[in-house]
Amino acid sequence: MKISKLFKKIKPLEKIGRIFQKTKIRIDGSSQASNILLKEFDAIYFSIPKAASRTLRLKFSDVLDLDGLTPYSISFPYATKSDLDCKYSKFFKFCFVRNPWDRLASVYFGKFQRGIELNRPFYKAKIYHFFKKFKINISFLYKYPVLVKEMTFDEFIEAVCQTPDKYLDKHLKSQHKFIPMVQGSLKLDYVGKIESFKEDLDFVFKRIGLDENKLKTMRYRGYKQKLSESEKKSLKPFPYYYNKHTWNLVRERFKTDIELFYYDETWHEALAKYE
C-alpha cells in the first residue's frame, strides 16, 4: 500500500501529512516541477499557479494514476530542460494563463487575506512581526516591501508591483516565468485561457486524444477551496477592486504577460464589460 493511501485511511496521520506537505511547499516556495509529462499522449503541460493548476493537476493525476495527500504533493513525471529541447521536442506543449489583474485579485482575496504566507523567503514576515510586537519597525532593512495581512488591496498591489519576480511567491510571479521562452517568444504549441477554460481544455483534450469522460477527478478529503461558494458570490468582478492608478501599476509591472497573452485593456474598458 502506498504511504499516501495509508495516511488517508488514518485521519490523524492524514492531517499531519497535509500540514507537512503544505509547510514544505511554503518554505520551498514551489511544489514539484513546473511541467507535467504526459508521455502516453505525446504532450507536456506547463503549470502556472492561480491559472487552474489545481484543477489540471487533479485531472492529470487521474490520467497517470497518481495519488498524493494534496494535489500539490503528487510527484508527477516531468521533462528536464535538455529533454524539452531534444527528446520531447516534437511533443505538444501547452499551458493555461489568466488575466494578470484578475490573478492578483484572486491571490489577495483567496490566499493573502486568509493568512497564507506569500513572502519570499518565508521567514521574512515572521521576523518583521516579531519586532513589531515590541513596536520596532524594521521595514527599512528590507529592499522590497513586506506583505502583511493588514494591507489594503491598493497597498498589496503597490507592494507586489515594486518587487521583482525573484522575490515574489510563485502565485504572484509573472506567468511567462513558468513556461519555455526563446528570445522573448513563447516556445509552446498552445496557450489556453481561464476566461475560456472549458472550450480551450476541450481543444487540448481532443488534440492529444484524451477522453475527459473517463476521468474520475479524485477529491482530497480535508483539502478545501480557499473560498466558499458564499464568499465567492460576495466578491465583485475584479476590475471594481482597482482604480486607474493601481490598474496602470499592474499593466507596467506585468507588461510582458499582458502583451504575450493579449490581455491589454484600460481600466475603463475592463469596467465596461461588467456594467
C-alpha atoms as a PDB file:
ATOM      1  CA  MET A   1       0.000   0.000   0.000  1.00  0.00           C
ATOM      2  CA  LYS A   2       1.277   3.478  -0.903  1.00  0.00           C
ATOM      3  CA  ILE A   3       2.218   5.730   2.036  1.00  0.00           C
ATOM      4  CA  SER A   4      -0.224   8.409   0.825  1.00  0.00           C
ATOM      5  CA  LYS A   5      -3.102   5.890   0.845  1.00  0.00           C
ATOM      6  CA  LEU A   6      -2.157   4.679   4.325  1.00  0.00           C
ATOM      7  CA  PHE A   7      -2.160   8.275   5.573  1.00  0.00           C
ATOM      8  CA  LYS A   8      -5.591   8.858   4.047  1.00  0.00           C
ATOM      9  CA  LYS A   9      -7.042   5.837   5.831  1.00  0.00           C
ATOM     10  CA  ILE A  10      -5.873   7.087   9.229  1.00  0.00           C
ATOM     11  CA  LYS A  11      -7.349  10.552   9.714  1.00  0.00           C
ATOM     12  CA  PRO A  12      -4.807  11.920  12.274  1.00  0.00           C
ATOM     13  CA  LEU A  13      -1.938  10.805  10.047  1.00  0.00           C
ATOM     14  CA  GLU A  14      -3.619  12.357   7.033  1.00  0.00           C
ATOM     15  CA  LYS A  15      -3.897  15.694   8.807  1.00  0.00           C
ATOM     16  CA  ILE A  16      -0.240  15.588   9.875  1.00  0.00           C
ATOM     17  CA  GLY A  17       0.784  14.664   6.339  1.00  0.00           C
ATOM     18  CA  ARG A  18      -1.172  17.537   4.783  1.00  0.00           C
ATOM     19  CA  ILE A  19       0.337  20.025   7.231  1.00  0.00           C
ATOM     20  CA  PHE A  20       3.838  18.720   6.473  1.00  0.00           C
ATOM     21  CA  GLN A  21       3.314  18.898   2.713  1.00  0.00           C
ATOM     22  CA  LYS A  22       1.836  22.402   2.803  1.00  0.00           C
ATOM     23  CA  THR A  23       4.585  23.651   5.115  1.00  0.00           C
ATOM     24  CA  LYS A  24       7.264  22.203   2.851  1.00  0.00           C
ATOM     25  CA  ILE A  25       5.674  23.857  -0.176  1.00  0.00           C
ATOM     26  CA  ARG A  26       5.515  27.241   1.573  1.00  0.00           C
ATOM     27  CA  ILE A  27       9.163  27.001   2.667  1.00  0.00           C
ATOM     28  CA  ASP A  28      10.390  25.869  -0.749  1.00  0.00           C
ATOM     29  CA  GLY A  29       8.277  28.487  -2.488  1.00  0.00           C
ATOM     30  CA  SER A  30       7.230  25.955  -5.107  1.00  0.00           C
ATOM     31  CA  SER A  31       5.945  22.434  -5.495  1.00  0.00           C
ATOM     32  CA  GLN A  32       7.365  19.801  -7.808  1.00  0.00           C
ATOM     33  CA  ALA A  33       8.451  20.638 -11.361  1.00  0.00           C
ATOM     34  CA  SER A  34       6.716  23.321 -13.390  1.00  0.00           C
ATOM     35  CA  ASN A  35       5.691  20.860 -16.101  1.00  0.00           C
ATOM     36  CA  ILE A  36       3.832  17.559 -16.251  1.00  0.00           C
ATOM     37  CA  LEU A  37       4.957  14.976 -18.786  1.00  0.00           C
ATOM     38  CA  LEU A  38       2.035  13.154 -20.433  1.00  0.00           C
ATOM     39  CA  LYS A  39       4.206  10.703 -22.332  1.00  0.00           C
ATOM     40  CA  GLU A  40       1.352   8.434 -23.438  1.00  0.00           C
ATOM     41  CA  PHE A  41      -0.219  11.405 -25.218  1.00  0.00           C
ATOM     42  CA  ASP A  42       2.998  12.979 -26.544  1.00  0.00           C
ATOM     43  CA  ALA A  43       2.201  16.119 -24.575  1.00  0.00           C
ATOM     44  CA  ILE A  44       3.631  18.343 -21.840  1.00  0.00           C
ATOM     45  CA  TYR A  45       1.586  20.659 -19.635  1.00  0.00           C
ATOM     46  CA  PHE A  46       3.273  23.714 -18.103  1.00  0.00           C
ATOM     47  CA  SER A  47       1.650  24.527 -14.783  1.00  0.00           C
ATOM     48  CA  ILE A  48       1.117  28.178 -13.796  1.00  0.00           C
ATOM     49  CA  PRO A  49      -0.056  28.903 -10.213  1.00  0.00           C
ATOM     50  CA  LYS A  50      -3.501  30.550  -9.940  1.00  0.00           C
ATOM     51  CA  ALA A  51      -4.334  29.585 -13.508  1.00  0.00           C
ATOM     52  CA  ALA A  52      -6.382  26.388 -12.984  1.00  0.00           C
ATOM     53  CA  SER A  53      -3.244  24.492 -11.940  1.00  0.00           C
ATOM     54  CA  ARG A  54      -5.073  22.641  -9.141  1.00  0.00           C
ATOM     55  CA  THR A  55      -7.899  21.550 -11.461  1.00  0.00           C
ATOM     56  CA  LEU A  56      -5.474  20.342 -14.105  1.00  0.00           C
ATOM     57  CA  ARG A  57      -3.248  18.557 -11.592  1.00  0.00           C
ATOM     58  CA  LEU A  58      -6.290  16.625 -10.403  1.00  0.00           C
ATOM     59  CA  LYS A  59      -7.240  15.678 -13.949  1.00  0.00           C
ATOM     60  CA  PHE A  60      -3.740  14.597 -14.905  1.00  0.00           C
ATOM     61  CA  SER A  61      -3.280  12.651 -11.669  1.00  0.00           C
ATOM     62  CA  ASP A  62      -6.227  10.558 -12.875  1.00  0.00           C
ATOM     63  CA  VAL A  63      -4.688  10.164 -16.314  1.00  0.00           C
ATOM     64  CA  LEU A  64      -1.386   8.976 -14.833  1.00  0.00           C
ATOM     65  CA  ASP A  65      -2.983   7.043 -11.944  1.00  0.00           C
ATOM     66  CA  LEU A  66      -1.056   9.014  -9.322  1.00  0.00           C
ATOM     67  CA  ASP A  67      -2.027   9.844  -5.759  1.00  0.00           C
ATOM     68  CA  GLY A  68      -0.918  12.199  -3.006  1.00  0.00           C
ATOM     69  CA  LEU A  69      -2.017  13.878   0.198  1.00  0.00           C
ATOM     70  CA  THR A  70      -2.853  17.092  -1.668  1.00  0.00           C
ATOM     71  CA  PRO A  71      -2.955  17.963  -5.375  1.00  0.00           C
ATOM     72  CA  TYR A  72       0.385  19.725  -4.902  1.00  0.00           C
ATOM     73  CA  SER A  73       2.213  16.862  -3.210  1.00  0.00           C
ATOM     74  CA  ILE A  74       1.824  14.478  -6.146  1.00  0.00           C
ATOM     75  CA  SER A  75       5.132  13.601  -7.806  1.00  0.00           C
ATOM     76  CA  PHE A  76       4.364  13.960 -11.492  1.00  0.00           C
ATOM     77  CA  PRO A  77       6.771  12.846 -14.210  1.00  0.00           C
ATOM     78  CA  TYR A  78       8.360  15.886 -15.829  1.00  0.00           C
ATOM     79  CA  ALA A  79      10.662  16.836 -18.665  1.00  0.00           C
ATOM     80  CA  THR A  80      14.062  18.359 -17.934  1.00  0.00           C
ATOM     81  CA  LYS A  81      15.202  21.404 -19.881  1.00  0.00           C
ATOM     82  CA  SER A  82      17.554  19.328 -22.029  1.00  0.00           C
ATOM     83  CA  ASP A  83      14.809  16.773 -22.758  1.00  0.00           C
ATOM     84  CA  LEU A  84      12.416  19.557 -23.770  1.00  0.00           C
ATOM     85  CA  ASP A  85      14.846  20.662 -26.451  1.00  0.00           C
ATOM     86  CA  CYS A  86      15.786  17.178 -27.644  1.00  0.00           C
ATOM     87  CA  LYS A  87      13.898  14.067 -26.536  1.00  0.00           C
ATOM     88  CA  TYR A  88      10.472  15.739 -26.354  1.00  0.00           C
ATOM     89  CA  SER A  89      10.936  18.473 -28.927  1.00  0.00           C
ATOM     90  CA  LYS A  90       8.017  17.129 -31.010  1.00  0.00           C
ATOM     91  CA  PHE A  91       5.605  16.806 -28.078  1.00  0.00           C
ATOM     92  CA  PHE A  92       2.531  19.048 -27.913  1.00  0.00           C
ATOM     93  CA  LYS A  93       3.349  21.701 -25.301  1.00  0.00           C
ATOM     94  CA  PHE A  94       0.595  23.735 -23.698  1.00  0.00           C
ATOM     95  CA  CYS A  95      -0.310  25.884 -20.709  1.00  0.00           C
ATOM     96  CA  PHE A  96      -3.193  27.916 -19.320  1.00  0.00           C
ATOM     97  CA  VAL A  97      -2.897  31.581 -18.388  1.00  0.00           C
ATOM     98  CA  ARG A  98      -5.069  34.082 -16.549  1.00  0.00           C
ATOM     99  CA  ASN A  99      -5.785  37.795 -16.807  1.00  0.00           C
ATOM    100  CA  PRO A 100      -2.988  39.345 -14.654  1.00  0.00           C
ATOM    101  CA  TRP A 101      -5.339  41.792 -12.904  1.00  0.00           C
ATOM    102  CA  ASP A 102      -7.805  39.005 -12.096  1.00  0.00           C
ATOM    103  CA  ARG A 103      -4.989  36.711 -10.941  1.00  0.00           C
ATOM    104  CA  LEU A 104      -3.680  39.240  -8.410  1.00  0.00           C
ATOM    105  CA  ALA A 105      -7.176  39.915  -7.063  1.00  0.00           C
ATOM    106  CA  SER A 106      -7.693  36.160  -6.686  1.00  0.00           C
ATOM    107  CA  VAL A 107      -4.451  35.812  -4.719  1.00  0.00           C
ATOM    108  CA  TYR A 108      -5.355  38.746  -2.462  1.00  0.00           C
ATOM    109  CA  PHE A 109      -8.842  37.529  -1.528  1.00  0.00           C
ATOM    110  CA  GLY A 110      -8.284  33.777  -1.798  1.00  0.00           C
ATOM    111  CA  LYS A 111      -4.912  33.468  -0.090  1.00  0.00           C
ATOM    112  CA  PHE A 112      -3.383  36.652   1.294  1.00  0.00           C
ATOM    113  CA  GLN A 113      -6.365  37.850   3.348  1.00  0.00           C
ATOM    114  CA  ARG A 114      -6.767  34.363   4.749  1.00  0.00           C
ATOM    115  CA  GLY A 115      -3.320  34.427   6.306  1.00  0.00           C
ATOM    116  CA  ILE A 116      -1.359  32.376   3.794  1.00  0.00           C
ATOM    117  CA  GLU A 117       2.314  33.382   3.799  1.00  0.00           C
ATOM    118  CA  LEU A 118       3.346  34.934   0.488  1.00  0.00           C
ATOM    119  CA  ASN A 119       6.691  36.481   1.379  1.00  0.00           C
ATOM    120  CA  ARG A 120       9.970  35.176  -0.027  1.00  0.00           C
ATOM    121  CA  PRO A 121      11.883  33.999   1.885  1.00  0.00           C
ATOM    122  CA  PHE A 122       9.058  32.647   4.050  1.00  0.00           C
ATOM    123  CA  TYR A 123      10.570  33.864   7.344  1.00  0.00           C
ATOM    124  CA  LYS A 124      10.693  37.495   6.157  1.00  0.00           C
ATOM    125  CA  ALA A 125       7.283  38.389   7.629  1.00  0.00           C
ATOM    126  CA  LYS A 126       7.902  36.300  10.770  1.00  0.00           C
ATOM    127  CA  ILE A 127      10.905  38.436  11.688  1.00  0.00           C
ATOM    128  CA  TYR A 128       9.029  41.619  10.781  1.00  0.00           C
ATOM    129  CA  HIS A 129       6.084  40.722  13.065  1.00  0.00           C
ATOM    130  CA  PHE A 130       8.369  39.630  15.898  1.00  0.00           C
ATOM    131  CA  PHE A 131       9.935  43.078  16.110  1.00  0.00           C
ATOM    132  CA  LYS A 132       6.587  44.769  15.533  1.00  0.00           C
ATOM    133  CA  LYS A 133       5.358  43.273  18.838  1.00  0.00           C
ATOM    134  CA  PHE A 134       7.980  45.417  20.535  1.00  0.00           C
ATOM    135  CA  LYS A 135       6.992  48.430  18.412  1.00  0.00           C
ATOM    136  CA  ILE A 136      10.210  48.224  16.433  1.00  0.00           C
ATOM    137  CA  ASN A 137       9.788  48.869  12.716  1.00  0.00           C
ATOM    138  CA  ILE A 138      12.481  47.054  10.738  1.00  0.00           C
ATOM    139  CA  SER A 139      10.942  47.538   7.287  1.00  0.00           C
ATOM    140  CA  PHE A 140      13.886  49.785   6.352  1.00  0.00           C
ATOM    141  CA  LEU A 141      16.108  46.687   6.471  1.00  0.00           C
ATOM    142  CA  TYR A 142      14.240  45.118   3.569  1.00  0.00           C
ATOM    143  CA  LYS A 143      14.941  46.061  -0.014  1.00  0.00           C
ATOM    144  CA  TYR A 144      11.348  45.300  -1.030  1.00  0.00           C
ATOM    145  CA  PRO A 145       8.019  45.651   0.850  1.00  0.00           C
ATOM    146  CA  VAL A 146       6.931  43.044   3.392  1.00  0.00           C
ATOM    147  CA  LEU A 147       3.481  41.661   2.574  1.00  0.00           C
ATOM    148  CA  VAL A 148       1.380  41.849   5.737  1.00  0.00           C
ATOM    149  CA  LYS A 149      -2.226  40.723   6.130  1.00  0.00           C
ATOM    150  CA  GLU A 150      -3.367  44.180   7.265  1.00  0.00           C
ATOM    151  CA  MET A 151      -2.627  45.635   3.823  1.00  0.00           C
ATOM    152  CA  THR A 152      -5.498  47.057   1.805  1.00  0.00           C
ATOM    153  CA  PHE A 153      -5.889  45.839  -1.765  1.00  0.00           C
ATOM    154  CA  ASP A 154      -4.250  49.031  -3.079  1.00  0.00           C
ATOM    155  CA  GLU A 155      -1.289  48.615  -0.719  1.00  0.00           C
ATOM    156  CA  PHE A 156      -0.947  44.964  -1.714  1.00  0.00           C
ATOM    157  CA  ILE A 157      -0.869  45.834  -5.417  1.00  0.00           C
ATOM    158  CA  GLU A 158       1.696  48.582  -4.872  1.00  0.00           C
ATOM    159  CA  ALA A 159       3.927  46.235  -2.849  1.00  0.00           C
ATOM    160  CA  VAL A 160       3.751  43.429  -5.420  1.00  0.00           C
ATOM    161  CA  CYS A 161       4.453  45.810  -8.293  1.00  0.00           C
ATOM    162  CA  GLN A 162       7.590  47.099  -6.548  1.00  0.00           C
ATOM    163  CA  THR A 163       9.007  43.594  -6.147  1.00  0.00           C
ATOM    164  CA  PRO A 164      10.955  41.660  -8.833  1.00  0.00           C
ATOM    165  CA  ASP A 165       9.819  38.128  -9.688  1.00  0.00           C
ATOM    166  CA  LYS A 166      12.858  36.683  -7.936  1.00  0.00           C
ATOM    167  CA  TYR A 167      11.469  37.820  -4.574  1.00  0.00           C
ATOM    168  CA  LEU A 168       7.800  37.008  -5.169  1.00  0.00           C
ATOM    169  CA  ASP A 169       5.813  33.937  -4.184  1.00  0.00           C
ATOM    170  CA  LYS A 170       5.006  31.650  -7.120  1.00  0.00           C
ATOM    171  CA  HIS A 171       1.345  32.780  -7.075  1.00  0.00           C
ATOM    172  CA  LEU A 172       2.460  36.350  -7.737  1.00  0.00           C
ATOM    173  CA  LYS A 173       5.288  35.806 -10.205  1.00  0.00           C
ATOM    174  CA  SER A 174       4.923  36.695 -13.860  1.00  0.00           C
ATOM    175  CA  GLN A 175       3.244  33.834 -15.693  1.00  0.00           C
ATOM    176  CA  HIS A 176       5.777  33.701 -18.517  1.00  0.00           C
ATOM    177  CA  LYS A 177       8.412  32.663 -15.954  1.00  0.00           C
ATOM    178  CA  PHE A 178       6.801  29.206 -15.777  1.00  0.00           C
ATOM    179  CA  ILE A 179       6.951  28.406 -19.489  1.00  0.00           C
ATOM    180  CA  PRO A 180       9.772  27.963 -22.037  1.00  0.00           C
ATOM    181  CA  MET A 181      10.787  31.107 -23.899  1.00  0.00           C
ATOM    182  CA  VAL A 182      13.283  31.728 -26.684  1.00  0.00           C
ATOM    183  CA  GLN A 183      14.406  35.309 -27.300  1.00  0.00           C
ATOM    184  CA  GLY A 184      11.171  36.711 -25.904  1.00  0.00           C
ATOM    185  CA  SER A 185       8.891  34.339 -27.840  1.00  0.00           C
ATOM    186  CA  LEU A 186       6.785  31.506 -26.440  1.00  0.00           C
ATOM    187  CA  LYS A 187       8.085  28.013 -27.102  1.00  0.00           C
ATOM    188  CA  LEU A 188       4.633  26.441 -26.846  1.00  0.00           C
ATOM    189  CA  ASP A 189       2.108  24.935 -29.227  1.00  0.00           C
ATOM    190  CA  TYR A 190      -0.970  26.212 -27.432  1.00  0.00           C
ATOM    191  CA  VAL A 191      -1.907  28.752 -24.749  1.00  0.00           C
ATOM    192  CA  GLY A 192      -5.343  28.258 -23.208  1.00  0.00           C
ATOM    193  CA  LYS A 193      -7.064  30.910 -21.133  1.00  0.00           C
ATOM    194  CA  ILE A 194      -9.019  30.694 -17.887  1.00  0.00           C
ATOM    195  CA  GLU A 195     -11.560  33.078 -19.384  1.00  0.00           C
ATOM    196  CA  SER A 196     -12.477  30.399 -21.949  1.00  0.00           C
ATOM    197  CA  PHE A 197     -11.341  27.402 -19.908  1.00  0.00           C
ATOM    198  CA  LYS A 198     -13.918  24.778 -20.937  1.00  0.00           C
ATOM    199  CA  GLU A 199     -13.589  25.428 -24.659  1.00  0.00           C
ATOM    200  CA  ASP A 200      -9.810  25.614 -24.539  1.00  0.00           C
ATOM    201  CA  LEU A 201      -9.483  22.485 -22.395  1.00  0.00           C
ATOM    202  CA  ASP A 202     -11.787  20.608 -24.779  1.00  0.00           C
ATOM    203  CA  PHE A 203      -9.483  21.605 -27.619  1.00  0.00           C
ATOM    204  CA  VAL A 204      -6.405  20.344 -25.735  1.00  0.00           C
ATOM    205  CA  PHE A 205      -8.008  17.012 -24.853  1.00  0.00           C
ATOM    206  CA  LYS A 206      -9.143  16.443 -28.437  1.00  0.00           C
ATOM    207  CA  ARG A 207      -5.720  17.431 -29.730  1.00  0.00           C
ATOM    208  CA  ILE A 208      -3.893  14.894 -27.541  1.00  0.00           C
ATOM    209  CA  GLY A 209      -6.590  12.208 -27.786  1.00  0.00           C
ATOM    210  CA  LEU A 210      -7.757  12.232 -24.166  1.00  0.00           C
ATOM    211  CA  ASP A 211     -11.348  11.324 -23.263  1.00  0.00           C
ATOM    212  CA  GLU A 212     -12.307  13.528 -20.305  1.00  0.00           C
ATOM    213  CA  ASN A 213     -15.440  11.473 -19.628  1.00  0.00           C
ATOM    214  CA  LYS A 214     -13.240   8.632 -18.388  1.00  0.00           C
ATOM    215  CA  LEU A 215     -11.612  10.784 -15.708  1.00  0.00           C
ATOM    216  CA  LYS A 216     -12.887  10.432 -12.169  1.00  0.00           C
ATOM    217  CA  THR A 217     -11.076  13.561 -10.873  1.00  0.00           C
ATOM    218  CA  MET A 218     -10.451  12.403  -7.316  1.00  0.00           C
ATOM    219  CA  ARG A 219     -11.162  14.705  -4.414  1.00  0.00           C
ATOM    220  CA  TYR A 220      -8.995  15.126  -1.366  1.00  0.00           C
ATOM    221  CA  ARG A 221     -10.686  14.717   1.989  1.00  0.00           C
ATOM    222  CA  GLY A 222      -9.868  17.740   4.112  1.00  0.00           C
ATOM    223  CA  TYR A 223      -8.438  19.718   1.198  1.00  0.00           C
ATOM    224  CA  LYS A 224     -10.751  22.715   0.871  1.00  0.00           C
ATOM    225  CA  GLN A 225     -11.024  25.504  -1.627  1.00  0.00           C
ATOM    226  CA  LYS A 226      -9.765  28.805  -0.258  1.00  0.00           C
ATOM    227  CA  LEU A 227     -13.142  30.475  -0.769  1.00  0.00           C
ATOM    228  CA  SER A 228     -16.559  29.009  -0.039  1.00  0.00           C
ATOM    229  CA  GLU A 229     -19.368  29.396  -2.568  1.00  0.00           C
ATOM    230  CA  SER A 230     -20.992  32.144  -0.464  1.00  0.00           C
ATOM    231  CA  GLU A 231     -17.673  34.004  -0.247  1.00  0.00           C
ATOM    232  CA  LYS A 232     -17.218  33.740  -3.997  1.00  0.00           C
ATOM    233  CA  LYS A 233     -20.679  35.199  -4.577  1.00  0.00           C
ATOM    234  CA  SER A 234     -19.885  38.161  -2.322  1.00  0.00           C
ATOM    235  CA  LEU A 235     -16.901  39.137  -4.463  1.00  0.00           C
ATOM    236  CA  LYS A 236     -17.323  41.781  -7.129  1.00  0.00           C
ATOM    237  CA  PRO A 237     -15.875  41.487 -10.642  1.00  0.00           C
ATOM    238  CA  PHE A 238     -12.132  42.085 -10.332  1.00  0.00           C
ATOM    239  CA  PRO A 239     -11.968  45.486 -12.143  1.00  0.00           C
ATOM    240  CA  TYR A 240     -14.050  47.027  -9.333  1.00  0.00           C
ATOM    241  CA  TYR A 241     -11.223  46.488  -6.849  1.00  0.00           C
ATOM    242  CA  TYR A 242      -8.831  48.594  -8.892  1.00  0.00           C
ATOM    243  CA  ASN A 243      -8.561  52.272  -9.659  1.00  0.00           C
ATOM    244  CA  LYS A 244      -6.788  53.893 -12.579  1.00  0.00           C
ATOM    245  CA  HIS A 245      -3.521  54.143 -10.637  1.00  0.00           C
ATOM    246  CA  THR A 246      -3.330  50.524  -9.415  1.00  0.00           C
ATOM    247  CA  TRP A 247      -4.558  49.242 -12.788  1.00  0.00           C
ATOM    248  CA  ASN A 248      -1.689  51.009 -14.538  1.00  0.00           C
ATOM    249  CA  LEU A 249       0.812  49.757 -11.949  1.00  0.00           C
ATOM    250  CA  VAL A 250      -0.104  46.174 -12.847  1.00  0.00           C
ATOM    251  CA  ARG A 251      -0.024  46.979 -16.553  1.00  0.00           C
ATOM    252  CA  GLU A 252       3.544  48.247 -16.278  1.00  0.00           C
ATOM    253  CA  ARG A 253       4.806  45.592 -13.829  1.00  0.00           C
ATOM    254  CA  PHE A 254       3.332  42.630 -15.732  1.00  0.00           C
ATOM    255  CA  LYS A 255       3.758  44.155 -19.164  1.00  0.00           C
ATOM    256  CA  THR A 256       5.370  41.040 -20.650  1.00  0.00           C
ATOM    257  CA  ASP A 257       2.476  38.770 -19.604  1.00  0.00           C
ATOM    258  CA  ILE A 258      -0.114  41.282 -20.775  1.00  0.00           C
ATOM    259  CA  GLU A 259       1.459  41.624 -24.209  1.00  0.00           C
ATOM    260  CA  LEU A 260       2.347  37.939 -24.682  1.00  0.00           C
ATOM    261  CA  PHE A 261      -1.129  36.695 -23.794  1.00  0.00           C
ATOM    262  CA  TYR A 262      -3.127  39.598 -25.290  1.00  0.00           C
ATOM    263  CA  TYR A 263      -4.718  40.971 -22.133  1.00  0.00           C
ATOM    264  CA  ASP A 264      -4.072  44.669 -22.664  1.00  0.00           C
ATOM    265  CA  GLU A 265      -7.014  46.941 -21.918  1.00  0.00           C
ATOM    266  CA  THR A 266      -7.644  50.094 -19.929  1.00  0.00           C
ATOM    267  CA  TRP A 267      -9.344  50.102 -16.552  1.00  0.00           C
ATOM    268  CA  HIS A 268     -12.423  51.776 -18.063  1.00  0.00           C
ATOM    269  CA  GLU A 269     -12.616  49.161 -20.827  1.00  0.00           C
ATOM    270  CA  ALA A 270     -12.491  46.376 -18.236  1.00  0.00           C
ATOM    271  CA  LEU A 271     -15.182  48.029 -16.105  1.00  0.00           C
ATOM    272  CA  ALA A 272     -17.456  48.482 -19.113  1.00  0.00           C
ATOM    273  CA  LYS A 273     -17.682  44.692 -19.565  1.00  0.00           C
ATOM    274  CA  TYR A 274     -19.500  44.393 -16.227  1.00  0.00           C
ATOM    275  CA  GLU A 275     -21.790  47.420 -16.427  1.00  0.00           C
END
